[in-house]
Amino acid sequence: MEWGTITDWLASHGVRILIIVLVCLALYFLLKRAVPPALRLTVSKRMAKKPEEEAEKRTKTLSRIFVSTGAVLIIVAAAFMILAEIGINITPVVAGFGIAGVAIGFGAQSLVRDLIAGLFILLENQYSVGDVVRIADISGLVEEINLRRTILRDLDGVVHVVPNGEIRVASNFTQEWSRVNMNVSVGYGEDLDHVIEVLNRIGKEMAEDPYWGELIIGAPQVLRVDAFEDSGIAIKILGETKPIRQWDVMGELRRRIKKVFDEEGIEIPWPHTKVYFGSPPPTGVPTEAPAPPRPPSEVLPPTEEEGE
């Protein structure tokens, strides 16, 4: 092939290929710029009565899905146009993809199941990026969702990749609001009315705190005397917080309860065993009653040694 032929080809087809690449890049950057604001506006209208954090998590989740899916479509379209520009007939390629798709469909039923499950997770808003969930017996923070799998990170920093088709039950700990749910044990000798009054006061003071009050929706309050345990009486406390902040609030609540209980002299029981030892009998007191005297008929005759 002569140099002139190459330059002619580049002058005609090369420029078109470059234009295709530039247009596809422009579409991708436009997609990244335009999709999040448009979704934020739409989601905010539909979730106007729900917390702002929920709308933001929903927007972030859908934005990632739309942008990634759009990027794949742009790349596929660009590849086909470039192949056609090079001179490759894409009709057999498309037909081959169709046949391969049917073959893959029979052998990749689990993949199809994952995609369908992921679609329903997104449509039903079961959870979003930033939620703390338990799925497939794994608990963690949702870092990423797409149509095929969900990525969780637990408290140990371990990343778990869960195929959406494996999810039977999804438990969301942080959707819209979260709950303080904890038991506090006190000794059996304590005045329960006084203990309940102290606990309610602690919860009210915490809800009025400038920092913690911003995280609390409903002040932690005593619900009931929950159980008679081995070492103490369990009292259940409930309250509502902003999403994902219940663990922070419960940690601070425990710290304040311990401090106030120490000041009030309220016992927080711990497992222990009391051992009682019997006292010895007083000196000179027989430990057993003397045997009654035998009648004469039952007295045995002395032995020869005793007679001597």
C-alpha atoms as a PDB file:
ATOM      1  CA  MET A   1       0.000   0.000   0.000  1.00  0.00           C
ATOM      2  CA  GLU A   2       1.419   3.330  -1.098  1.00  0.00           C
ATOM      3  CA  TRP A   3       1.850   6.260   1.242  1.00  0.00           C
ATOM      4  CA  GLY A   4      -0.536   8.333  -0.848  1.00  0.00           C
ATOM      5  CA  THR A   5      -3.258   5.720  -0.413  1.00  0.00           C
ATOM      6  CA  ILE A   6      -2.771   5.742   3.353  1.00  0.00           C
ATOM      7  CA  THR A   7      -2.972   9.516   3.551  1.00  0.00           C
ATOM      8  CA  ASP A   8      -6.081   9.536   1.394  1.00  0.00           C
ATOM      9  CA  TRP A   9      -7.730   6.937   3.629  1.00  0.00           C
ATOM     10  CA  LEU A  10      -6.799   8.872   6.747  1.00  0.00           C
ATOM     11  CA  ALA A  11      -8.010  12.099   5.190  1.00  0.00           C
ATOM     12  CA  SER A  12     -11.446  10.621   4.564  1.00  0.00           C
ATOM     13  CA  HIS A  13     -12.077   7.800   7.046  1.00  0.00           C
ATOM     14  CA  GLY A  14      -9.639   8.862   9.770  1.00  0.00           C
ATOM     15  CA  VAL A  15     -11.292  12.216  10.202  1.00  0.00           C
ATOM     16  CA  ARG A  16     -14.719  10.562  10.446  1.00  0.00           C
ATOM     17  CA  ILE A  17     -13.448   8.102  13.053  1.00  0.00           C
ATOM     18  CA  LEU A  18     -11.966  10.973  15.050  1.00  0.00           C
ATOM     19  CA  ILE A  19     -15.278  12.822  14.861  1.00  0.00           C
ATOM     20  CA  ILE A  20     -17.113   9.702  16.071  1.00  0.00           C
ATOM     21  CA  VAL A  21     -14.741   9.384  19.026  1.00  0.00           C
ATOM     22  CA  LEU A  22     -15.041  13.060  19.911  1.00  0.00           C
ATOM     23  CA  VAL A  23     -18.845  13.000  19.662  1.00  0.00           C
ATOM     24  CA  CYS A  24     -19.042   9.913  21.881  1.00  0.00           C
ATOM     25  CA  LEU A  25     -16.745  11.522  24.473  1.00  0.00           C
ATOM     26  CA  ALA A  26     -18.851  14.668  24.404  1.00  0.00           C
ATOM     27  CA  LEU A  27     -22.023  12.605  24.888  1.00  0.00           C
ATOM     28  CA  TYR A  28     -20.448  10.798  27.843  1.00  0.00           C
ATOM     29  CA  PHE A  29     -19.378  14.016  29.587  1.00  0.00           C
ATOM     30  CA  LEU A  30     -22.786  15.536  28.861  1.00  0.00           C
ATOM     31  CA  LEU A  31     -24.386  12.459  30.390  1.00  0.00           C
ATOM     32  CA  LYS A  32     -22.280  12.819  33.549  1.00  0.00           C
ATOM     33  CA  ARG A  33     -23.111  16.516  33.828  1.00  0.00           C
ATOM     34  CA  ALA A  34     -26.807  16.429  32.967  1.00  0.00           C
ATOM     35  CA  VAL A  35     -28.104  13.230  34.555  1.00  0.00           C
ATOM     36  CA  PRO A  36     -27.409  13.940  38.285  1.00  0.00           C
ATOM     37  CA  PRO A  37     -29.116  17.382  38.341  1.00  0.00           C
ATOM     38  CA  ALA A  38     -32.094  16.102  36.329  1.00  0.00           C
ATOM     39  CA  LEU A  39     -32.491  13.101  38.619  1.00  0.00           C
ATOM     40  CA  ARG A  40     -32.075  15.263  41.714  1.00  0.00           C
ATOM     41  CA  LEU A  41     -34.908  17.508  40.573  1.00  0.00           C
ATOM     42  CA  THR A  42     -37.185  14.565  39.731  1.00  0.00           C
ATOM     43  CA  VAL A  43     -36.439  12.634  42.908  1.00  0.00           C
ATOM     44  CA  SER A  44     -36.863  15.711  45.101  1.00  0.00           C
ATOM     45  CA  LYS A  45     -40.367  16.257  43.715  1.00  0.00           C
ATOM     46  CA  ARG A  46     -41.386  12.636  44.211  1.00  0.00           C
ATOM     47  CA  MET A  47     -39.828  12.393  47.698  1.00  0.00           C
ATOM     48  CA  ALA A  48     -40.797  15.857  48.917  1.00  0.00           C
ATOM     49  CA  LYS A  49     -42.302  14.474  52.132  1.00  0.00           C
ATOM     50  CA  LYS A  50     -39.283  12.324  52.952  1.00  0.00           C
ATOM     51  CA  PRO A  51     -35.973  13.382  54.556  1.00  0.00           C
ATOM     52  CA  GLU A  52     -33.479  15.186  52.352  1.00  0.00           C
ATOM     53  CA  GLU A  53     -30.880  12.499  53.037  1.00  0.00           C
ATOM     54  CA  GLU A  54     -33.148   9.882  51.469  1.00  0.00           C
ATOM     55  CA  ALA A  55     -33.577  11.931  48.292  1.00  0.00           C
ATOM     56  CA  GLU A  56     -29.821  12.461  48.056  1.00  0.00           C
ATOM     57  CA  LYS A  57     -29.071   8.731  48.465  1.00  0.00           C
ATOM     58  CA  ARG A  58     -31.706   7.865  45.851  1.00  0.00           C
ATOM     59  CA  THR A  59     -30.261  10.418  43.428  1.00  0.00           C
ATOM     60  CA  LYS A  60     -26.724   9.125  43.906  1.00  0.00           C
ATOM     61  CA  THR A  61     -27.797   5.525  43.334  1.00  0.00           C
ATOM     62  CA  LEU A  62     -29.814   6.205  40.182  1.00  0.00           C
ATOM     63  CA  SER A  63     -27.151   8.540  38.786  1.00  0.00           C
ATOM     64  CA  ARG A  64     -24.535   5.802  38.923  1.00  0.00           C
ATOM     65  CA  ILE A  65     -26.856   3.346  37.201  1.00  0.00           C
ATOM     66  CA  PHE A  66     -27.887   5.751  34.419  1.00  0.00           C
ATOM     67  CA  VAL A  67     -24.363   7.007  33.751  1.00  0.00           C
ATOM     68  CA  SER A  68     -22.796   3.542  33.674  1.00  0.00           C
ATOM     69  CA  THR A  69     -25.544   2.112  31.468  1.00  0.00           C
ATOM     70  CA  GLY A  70     -25.378   5.115  29.129  1.00  0.00           C
ATOM     71  CA  ALA A  71     -21.604   4.779  28.901  1.00  0.00           C
ATOM     72  CA  VAL A  72     -21.926   1.147  27.803  1.00  0.00           C
ATOM     73  CA  LEU A  73     -24.472   2.071  25.121  1.00  0.00           C
ATOM     74  CA  ILE A  74     -22.258   4.903  23.836  1.00  0.00           C
ATOM     75  CA  ILE A  75     -19.230   2.599  23.606  1.00  0.00           C
ATOM     76  CA  VAL A  76     -21.192  -0.091  21.746  1.00  0.00           C
ATOM     77  CA  ALA A  77     -22.629   2.439  19.304  1.00  0.00           C
ATOM     78  CA  ALA A  78     -19.186   3.980  18.713  1.00  0.00           C
ATOM     79  CA  ALA A  79     -17.667   0.545  18.087  1.00  0.00           C
ATOM     80  CA  PHE A  80     -20.285  -0.307  15.455  1.00  0.00           C
ATOM     81  CA  MET A  81     -19.872   3.038  13.680  1.00  0.00           C
ATOM     82  CA  ILE A  82     -16.082   2.715  13.636  1.00  0.00           C
ATOM     83  CA  LEU A  83     -16.306  -0.839  12.266  1.00  0.00           C
ATOM     84  CA  ALA A  84     -18.632   0.375   9.531  1.00  0.00           C
ATOM     85  CA  GLU A  85     -16.264   3.232   8.724  1.00  0.00           C
ATOM     86  CA  ILE A  86     -13.317   0.863   8.476  1.00  0.00           C
ATOM     87  CA  GLY A  87     -15.252  -1.163   5.945  1.00  0.00           C
ATOM     88  CA  ILE A  88     -16.314  -4.150   8.005  1.00  0.00           C
ATOM     89  CA  ASN A  89     -19.859  -5.327   7.336  1.00  0.00           C
ATOM     90  CA  ILE A  90     -21.538  -5.182  10.731  1.00  0.00           C
ATOM     91  CA  THR A  91     -24.654  -7.140   9.677  1.00  0.00           C
ATOM     92  CA  PRO A  92     -23.007 -10.558  10.254  1.00  0.00           C
ATOM     93  CA  VAL A  93     -21.563  -9.201  13.510  1.00  0.00           C
ATOM     94  CA  VAL A  94     -25.006  -8.155  14.731  1.00  0.00           C
ATOM     95  CA  ALA A  95     -26.467 -11.510  13.652  1.00  0.00           C
ATOM     96  CA  GLY A  96     -23.628 -13.275  15.469  1.00  0.00           C
ATOM     97  CA  PHE A  97     -24.362 -11.298  18.625  1.00  0.00           C
ATOM     98  CA  GLY A  98     -27.989 -12.356  18.376  1.00  0.00           C
ATOM     99  CA  ILE A  99     -27.133 -16.054  18.109  1.00  0.00           C
ATOM    100  CA  ALA A 100     -24.538 -15.738  20.866  1.00  0.00           C
ATOM    101  CA  GLY A 101     -27.104 -13.958  23.027  1.00  0.00           C
ATOM    102  CA  VAL A 102     -29.545 -16.849  22.710  1.00  0.00           C
ATOM    103  CA  ALA A 103     -26.812 -19.365  23.548  1.00  0.00           C
ATOM    104  CA  ILE A 104     -25.636 -17.313  26.515  1.00  0.00           C
ATOM    105  CA  GLY A 105     -29.227 -16.900  27.681  1.00  0.00           C
ATOM    106  CA  PHE A 106     -29.585 -20.652  28.157  1.00  0.00           C
ATOM    107  CA  GLY A 107     -26.279 -20.946  30.002  1.00  0.00           C
ATOM    108  CA  ALA A 108     -26.444 -17.752  32.038  1.00  0.00           C
ATOM    109  CA  GLN A 109     -29.774 -18.018  33.793  1.00  0.00           C
ATOM    110  CA  SER A 110     -28.208 -16.852  37.055  1.00  0.00           C
ATOM    111  CA  LEU A 111     -26.997 -13.685  35.313  1.00  0.00           C
ATOM    112  CA  VAL A 112     -30.499 -12.995  33.999  1.00  0.00           C
ATOM    113  CA  ARG A 113     -31.875 -13.593  37.487  1.00  0.00           C
ATOM    114  CA  ASP A 114     -29.347 -11.118  38.936  1.00  0.00           C
ATOM    115  CA  LEU A 115     -30.324  -8.467  36.375  1.00  0.00           C
ATOM    116  CA  ILE A 116     -34.053  -8.860  37.006  1.00  0.00           C
ATOM    117  CA  ALA A 117     -33.553  -8.790  40.787  1.00  0.00           C
ATOM    118  CA  GLY A 118     -31.379  -5.683  40.473  1.00  0.00           C
ATOM    119  CA  LEU A 119     -34.035  -3.969  38.389  1.00  0.00           C
ATOM    120  CA  PHE A 120     -36.662  -4.562  41.062  1.00  0.00           C
ATOM    121  CA  ILE A 121     -34.290  -3.399  43.820  1.00  0.00           C
ATOM    122  CA  LEU A 122     -33.886  -0.084  42.016  1.00  0.00           C
ATOM    123  CA  LEU A 123     -37.528   0.341  41.044  1.00  0.00           C
ATOM    124  CA  GLU A 124     -38.824  -0.457  44.540  1.00  0.00           C
ATOM    125  CA  ASN A 125     -36.068   1.576  46.248  1.00  0.00           C
ATOM    126  CA  GLN A 126     -35.317  -1.262  48.661  1.00  0.00           C
ATOM    127  CA  TYR A 127     -31.984   0.350  49.573  1.00  0.00           C
ATOM    128  CA  SER A 128     -29.595   2.939  48.182  1.00  0.00           C
ATOM    129  CA  VAL A 129     -25.903   3.807  48.252  1.00  0.00           C
ATOM    130  CA  GLY A 130     -25.071   4.915  51.799  1.00  0.00           C
ATOM    131  CA  ASP A 131     -27.630   2.696  53.555  1.00  0.00           C
ATOM    132  CA  VAL A 132     -26.680   0.087  56.156  1.00  0.00           C
ATOM    133  CA  VAL A 133     -28.385  -3.170  55.211  1.00  0.00           C
ATOM    134  CA  ARG A 134     -28.355  -6.914  55.824  1.00  0.00           C
ATOM    135  CA  ILE A 135     -28.658  -8.983  52.655  1.00  0.00           C
ATOM    136  CA  ALA A 136     -27.744 -12.629  52.074  1.00  0.00           C
ATOM    137  CA  ASP A 137     -26.816 -12.875  55.797  1.00  0.00           C
ATOM    138  CA  ILE A 138     -24.214 -10.092  55.360  1.00  0.00           C
ATOM    139  CA  SER A 139     -24.453  -6.705  57.063  1.00  0.00           C
ATOM    140  CA  GLY A 140     -22.627  -3.600  55.911  1.00  0.00           C
ATOM    141  CA  LEU A 141     -22.668  -0.187  54.275  1.00  0.00           C
ATOM    142  CA  VAL A 142     -23.871  -0.139  50.660  1.00  0.00           C
ATOM    143  CA  GLU A 143     -21.016   1.284  48.585  1.00  0.00           C
ATOM    144  CA  GLU A 144     -22.303   0.490  45.104  1.00  0.00           C
ATOM    145  CA  ILE A 145     -25.338  -0.949  43.343  1.00  0.00           C
ATOM    146  CA  ASN A 146     -25.862  -1.949  39.749  1.00  0.00           C
ATOM    147  CA  LEU A 147     -28.207  -4.306  37.956  1.00  0.00           C
ATOM    148  CA  ARG A 148     -25.983  -7.329  38.620  1.00  0.00           C
ATOM    149  CA  ARG A 149     -24.600  -7.003  42.146  1.00  0.00           C
ATOM    150  CA  THR A 150     -24.480  -5.017  45.365  1.00  0.00           C
ATOM    151  CA  ILE A 151     -21.201  -4.145  47.099  1.00  0.00           C
ATOM    152  CA  LEU A 152     -21.150  -3.943  50.920  1.00  0.00           C
ATOM    153  CA  ARG A 153     -18.368  -2.976  53.331  1.00  0.00           C
ATOM    154  CA  ASP A 154     -18.665  -4.251  56.917  1.00  0.00           C
ATOM    155  CA  LEU A 155     -17.216  -2.783  60.122  1.00  0.00           C
ATOM    156  CA  ASP A 156     -13.980  -4.748  59.646  1.00  0.00           C
ATOM    157  CA  GLY A 157     -13.479  -3.022  56.299  1.00  0.00           C
ATOM    158  CA  VAL A 158     -14.160  -6.236  54.377  1.00  0.00           C
ATOM    159  CA  VAL A 159     -15.828  -5.689  50.989  1.00  0.00           C
ATOM    160  CA  HIS A 160     -18.591  -8.168  50.101  1.00  0.00           C
ATOM    161  CA  VAL A 161     -19.869  -8.549  46.531  1.00  0.00           C
ATOM    162  CA  VAL A 162     -23.419  -9.961  46.637  1.00  0.00           C
ATOM    163  CA  PRO A 163     -25.159 -11.017  43.394  1.00  0.00           C
ATOM    164  CA  ASN A 164     -28.641  -9.505  43.366  1.00  0.00           C
ATOM    165  CA  GLY A 165     -30.184 -12.869  42.537  1.00  0.00           C
ATOM    166  CA  GLU A 166     -28.971 -14.234  45.891  1.00  0.00           C
ATOM    167  CA  ILE A 167     -30.966 -11.650  47.856  1.00  0.00           C
ATOM    168  CA  ARG A 168     -34.144 -13.117  49.330  1.00  0.00           C
ATOM    169  CA  VAL A 169     -34.703 -10.651  52.176  1.00  0.00           C
ATOM    170  CA  ALA A 170     -33.239  -7.142  52.344  1.00  0.00           C
ATOM    171  CA  SER A 171     -33.201  -5.509  55.801  1.00  0.00           C
ATOM    172  CA  ASN A 172     -32.555  -1.756  55.674  1.00  0.00           C
ATOM    173  CA  PHE A 173     -31.434  -0.223  58.997  1.00  0.00           C
ATOM    174  CA  THR A 174     -31.261   3.380  57.775  1.00  0.00           C
ATOM    175  CA  GLN A 175     -34.155   4.166  55.441  1.00  0.00           C
ATOM    176  CA  GLU A 176     -35.843   7.517  56.210  1.00  0.00           C
ATOM    177  CA  TRP A 177     -35.081   7.245  59.958  1.00  0.00           C
ATOM    178  CA  SER A 178     -33.372   4.939  62.441  1.00  0.00           C
ATOM    179  CA  ARG A 179     -34.257   3.706  65.909  1.00  0.00           C
ATOM    180  CA  VAL A 180     -32.525   3.601  69.274  1.00  0.00           C
ATOM    181  CA  ASN A 181     -33.398   0.189  70.735  1.00  0.00           C
ATOM    182  CA  MET A 182     -31.441  -0.803  73.825  1.00  0.00           C
ATOM    183  CA  ASN A 183     -31.828  -2.428  77.242  1.00  0.00           C
ATOM    184  CA  VAL A 184     -30.393  -1.088  80.486  1.00  0.00           C
ATOM    185  CA  SER A 185     -30.086  -3.458  83.457  1.00  0.00           C
ATOM    186  CA  VAL A 186     -30.304  -2.352  87.099  1.00  0.00           C
ATOM    187  CA  GLY A 187     -30.030  -4.273  90.347  1.00  0.00           C
ATOM    188  CA  TYR A 188     -33.032  -5.976  91.938  1.00  0.00           C
ATOM    189  CA  GLY A 189     -32.739  -3.727  94.960  1.00  0.00           C
ATOM    190  CA  GLU A 190     -33.274  -0.483  93.015  1.00  0.00           C
ATOM    191  CA  ASP A 191     -36.431   1.646  93.025  1.00  0.00           C
ATOM    192  CA  LEU A 192     -37.729   1.185  89.468  1.00  0.00           C
ATOM    193  CA  ASP A 193     -39.825   4.360  89.496  1.00  0.00           C
ATOM    194  CA  HIS A 194     -36.736   6.383  90.355  1.00  0.00           C
ATOM    195  CA  VAL A 195     -34.641   4.577  87.736  1.00  0.00           C
ATOM    196  CA  ILE A 196     -37.246   5.225  85.012  1.00  0.00           C
ATOM    197  CA  GLU A 197     -37.413   8.903  85.975  1.00  0.00           C
ATOM    198  CA  VAL A 198     -33.604   9.182  85.736  1.00  0.00           C
ATOM    199  CA  LEU A 199     -33.483   7.444  82.334  1.00  0.00           C
ATOM    200  CA  ASN A 200     -36.202   9.659  80.892  1.00  0.00           C
ATOM    201  CA  ARG A 201     -34.385  12.731  82.180  1.00  0.00           C
ATOM    202  CA  ILE A 202     -31.151  11.627  80.517  1.00  0.00           C
ATOM    203  CA  GLY A 203     -32.939  11.083  77.201  1.00  0.00           C
ATOM    204  CA  LYS A 204     -34.634  14.477  77.374  1.00  0.00           C
ATOM    205  CA  GLU A 205     -31.383  16.283  78.197  1.00  0.00           C
ATOM    206  CA  MET A 206     -29.648  14.563  75.321  1.00  0.00           C
ATOM    207  CA  ALA A 207     -32.409  15.582  72.885  1.00  0.00           C
ATOM    208  CA  GLU A 208     -31.993  19.208  74.039  1.00  0.00           C
ATOM    209  CA  ASP A 209     -28.213  19.135  73.563  1.00  0.00           C
ATOM    210  CA  PRO A 210     -27.059  21.490  70.743  1.00  0.00           C
ATOM    211  CA  TYR A 211     -25.087  18.748  68.977  1.00  0.00           C
ATOM    212  CA  TRP A 212     -26.979  15.550  69.743  1.00  0.00           C
ATOM    213  CA  GLY A 213     -30.360  17.233  69.351  1.00  0.00           C
ATOM    214  CA  GLU A 214     -29.634  17.687  65.634  1.00  0.00           C
ATOM    215  CA  LEU A 215     -29.345  13.905  65.278  1.00  0.00           C
ATOM    216  CA  ILE A 216     -32.376  12.938  67.380  1.00  0.00           C
ATOM    217  CA  ILE A 217     -35.918  12.942  65.993  1.00  0.00           C
ATOM    218  CA  GLY A 218     -37.646  11.483  69.057  1.00  0.00           C
ATOM    219  CA  ALA A 219     -36.009  11.632  72.505  1.00  0.00           C
ATOM    220  CA  PRO A 220     -34.988   8.208  73.912  1.00  0.00           C
ATOM    221  CA  GLN A 221     -37.562   7.217  76.545  1.00  0.00           C
ATOM    222  CA  VAL A 222     -38.340   4.170  78.670  1.00  0.00           C
ATOM    223  CA  LEU A 223     -40.833   1.853  76.975  1.00  0.00           C
ATOM    224  CA  ARG A 224     -41.273  -0.825  79.626  1.00  0.00           C
ATOM    225  CA  VAL A 225     -39.639  -3.107  82.166  1.00  0.00           C
ATOM    226  CA  ASP A 226     -38.488  -5.691  79.672  1.00  0.00           C
ATOM    227  CA  ALA A 227     -37.230  -8.753  81.566  1.00  0.00           C
ATOM    228  CA  PHE A 228     -36.116 -10.261  84.849  1.00  0.00           C
ATOM    229  CA  GLU A 229     -32.578 -11.355  84.123  1.00  0.00           C
ATOM    230  CA  ASP A 230     -30.182 -13.494  86.142  1.00  0.00           C
ATOM    231  CA  SER A 231     -28.351 -10.535  87.663  1.00  0.00           C
ATOM    232  CA  GLY A 232     -30.765  -7.618  87.260  1.00  0.00           C
ATOM    233  CA  ILE A 233     -33.914  -6.092  85.780  1.00  0.00           C
ATOM    234  CA  ALA A 234     -33.803  -5.064  82.098  1.00  0.00           C
ATOM    235  CA  ILE A 235     -35.462  -1.764  81.109  1.00  0.00           C
ATOM    236  CA  LYS A 236     -36.068  -1.120  77.396  1.00  0.00           C
ATOM    237  CA  ILE A 237     -35.395   2.324  75.887  1.00  0.00           C
ATOM    238  CA  LEU A 238     -36.636   3.442  72.453  1.00  0.00           C
ATOM    239  CA  GLY A 239     -36.068   6.609  70.411  1.00  0.00           C
ATOM    240  CA  GLU A 240     -35.793   7.824  66.815  1.00  0.00           C
ATOM    241  CA  THR A 241     -32.759   9.342  65.102  1.00  0.00           C
ATOM    242  CA  LYS A 242     -31.738  10.513  61.682  1.00  0.00           C
ATOM    243  CA  PRO A 243     -30.670   7.699  59.331  1.00  0.00           C
ATOM    244  CA  ILE A 244     -27.479   5.827  60.282  1.00  0.00           C
ATOM    245  CA  ARG A 245     -26.964   7.894  63.453  1.00  0.00           C
ATOM    246  CA  GLN A 246     -28.583   5.493  65.926  1.00  0.00           C
ATOM    247  CA  TRP A 247     -25.285   3.853  66.874  1.00  0.00           C
ATOM    248  CA  ASP A 248     -23.667   7.213  67.636  1.00  0.00           C
ATOM    249  CA  VAL A 249     -26.646   8.231  69.776  1.00  0.00           C
ATOM    250  CA  MET A 250     -26.726   4.906  71.661  1.00  0.00           C
ATOM    251  CA  GLY A 251     -23.013   5.140  72.425  1.00  0.00           C
ATOM    252  CA  GLU A 252     -23.400   8.615  73.919  1.00  0.00           C
ATOM    253  CA  LEU A 253     -26.559   7.545  75.760  1.00  0.00           C
ATOM    254  CA  ARG A 254     -24.724   4.646  77.431  1.00  0.00           C
ATOM    255  CA  ARG A 255     -21.908   6.977  78.483  1.00  0.00           C
ATOM    256  CA  ARG A 256     -24.352   9.408  80.090  1.00  0.00           C
ATOM    257  CA  ILE A 257     -26.325   6.644  81.801  1.00  0.00           C
ATOM    258  CA  LYS A 258     -23.172   5.219  83.390  1.00  0.00           C
ATOM    259  CA  LYS A 259     -22.107   8.647  84.622  1.00  0.00           C
ATOM    260  CA  VAL A 260     -25.510   9.543  86.118  1.00  0.00           C
ATOM    261  CA  PHE A 261     -26.010   6.075  87.644  1.00  0.00           C
ATOM    262  CA  ASP A 262     -22.679   6.447  89.448  1.00  0.00           C
ATOM    263  CA  GLU A 263     -23.779   9.848  90.782  1.00  0.00           C
ATOM    264  CA  GLU A 264     -27.202   8.526  91.848  1.00  0.00           C
ATOM    265  CA  GLY A 265     -25.817   5.335  93.362  1.00  0.00           C
ATOM    266  CA  ILE A 266     -27.864   3.121  91.032  1.00  0.00           C
ATOM    267  CA  GLU A 267     -26.354  -0.324  90.642  1.00  0.00           C
ATOM    268  CA  ILE A 268     -25.579  -1.659  87.170  1.00  0.00           C
ATOM    269  CA  PRO A 269     -25.405  -5.419  87.784  1.00  0.00           C
ATOM    270  CA  TRP A 270     -22.837  -7.775  86.376  1.00  0.00           C
ATOM    271  CA  PRO A 271     -22.713 -11.591  86.486  1.00  0.00           C
ATOM    272  CA  HIS A 272     -21.489 -12.706  89.891  1.00  0.00           C
ATOM    273  CA  THR A 273     -22.048 -15.490  92.410  1.00  0.00           C
ATOM    274  CA  LYS A 274     -22.581 -15.179  96.176  1.00  0.00           C
ATOM    275  CA  VAL A 275     -21.312 -18.079  98.300  1.00  0.00           C
ATOM    276  CA  TYR A 276     -22.586 -18.572 101.888  1.00  0.00           C
ATOM    277  CA  PHE A 277     -20.631 -20.764 104.361  1.00  0.00           C
ATOM    278  CA  GLY A 278     -22.407 -22.393 107.310  1.00  0.00           C
ATOM    279  CA  SER A 279     -21.308 -21.285 110.857  1.00  0.00           C
ATOM    280  CA  PRO A 280     -19.731 -23.948 113.209  1.00  0.00           C
ATOM    281  CA  PRO A 281     -21.848 -25.013 116.279  1.00  0.00           C
ATOM    282  CA  PRO A 282     -21.071 -23.332 119.693  1.00  0.00           C
ATOM    283  CA  THR A 283     -18.491 -24.995 121.969  1.00  0.00           C
ATOM    284  CA  GLY A 284     -19.924 -27.560 124.449  1.00  0.00           C
ATOM    285  CA  VAL A 285     -23.094 -28.177 122.479  1.00  0.00           C
ATOM    286  CA  PRO A 286     -23.310 -31.804 121.345  1.00  0.00           C
ATOM    287  CA  THR A 287     -23.627 -32.208 117.611  1.00  0.00           C
ATOM    288  CA  GLU A 288     -25.792 -35.341 118.040  1.00  0.00           C
ATOM    289  CA  ALA A 289     -28.408 -36.351 120.640  1.00  0.00           C
ATOM    290  CA  PRO A 290     -27.220 -39.129 123.088  1.00  0.00           C
ATOM    291  CA  ALA A 291     -28.529 -42.616 122.405  1.00  0.00           C
ATOM    292  CA  PRO A 292     -31.418 -43.741 124.705  1.00  0.00           C
ATOM    293  CA  PRO A 293     -30.553 -46.370 127.436  1.00  0.00           C
ATOM    294  CA  ARG A 294     -31.194 -49.988 126.542  1.00  0.00           C
ATOM    295  CA  PRO A 295     -33.572 -52.132 128.616  1.00  0.00           C
ATOM    296  CA  PRO A 296     -31.923 -54.792 130.881  1.00  0.00           C
ATOM    297  CA  SER A 297     -33.044 -57.617 128.635  1.00  0.00           C
ATOM    298  CA  GLU A 298     -31.032 -56.150 125.823  1.00  0.00           C
ATOM    299  CA  VAL A 299     -27.833 -55.616 127.794  1.00  0.00           C
ATOM    300  CA  LEU A 300     -25.179 -58.071 126.539  1.00  0.00           C
ATOM    301  CA  PRO A 301     -23.126 -60.100 129.079  1.00  0.00           C
ATOM    302  CA  PRO A 302     -19.528 -58.987 129.555  1.00  0.00           C
ATOM    303  CA  THR A 303     -16.856 -60.735 127.553  1.00  0.00           C
ATOM    304  CA  GLU A 304     -14.065 -62.729 129.241  1.00  0.00           C
ATOM    305  CA  GLU A 305     -11.639 -59.846 128.806  1.00  0.00           C
ATOM    306  CA  GLU A 306     -14.110 -57.408 130.395  1.00  0.00           C
ATOM    307  CA  GLY A 307     -14.740 -59.904 133.299  1.00  0.00           C
ATOM    308  CA  GLU A 308     -11.061 -60.135 134.071  1.00  0.00           C
END
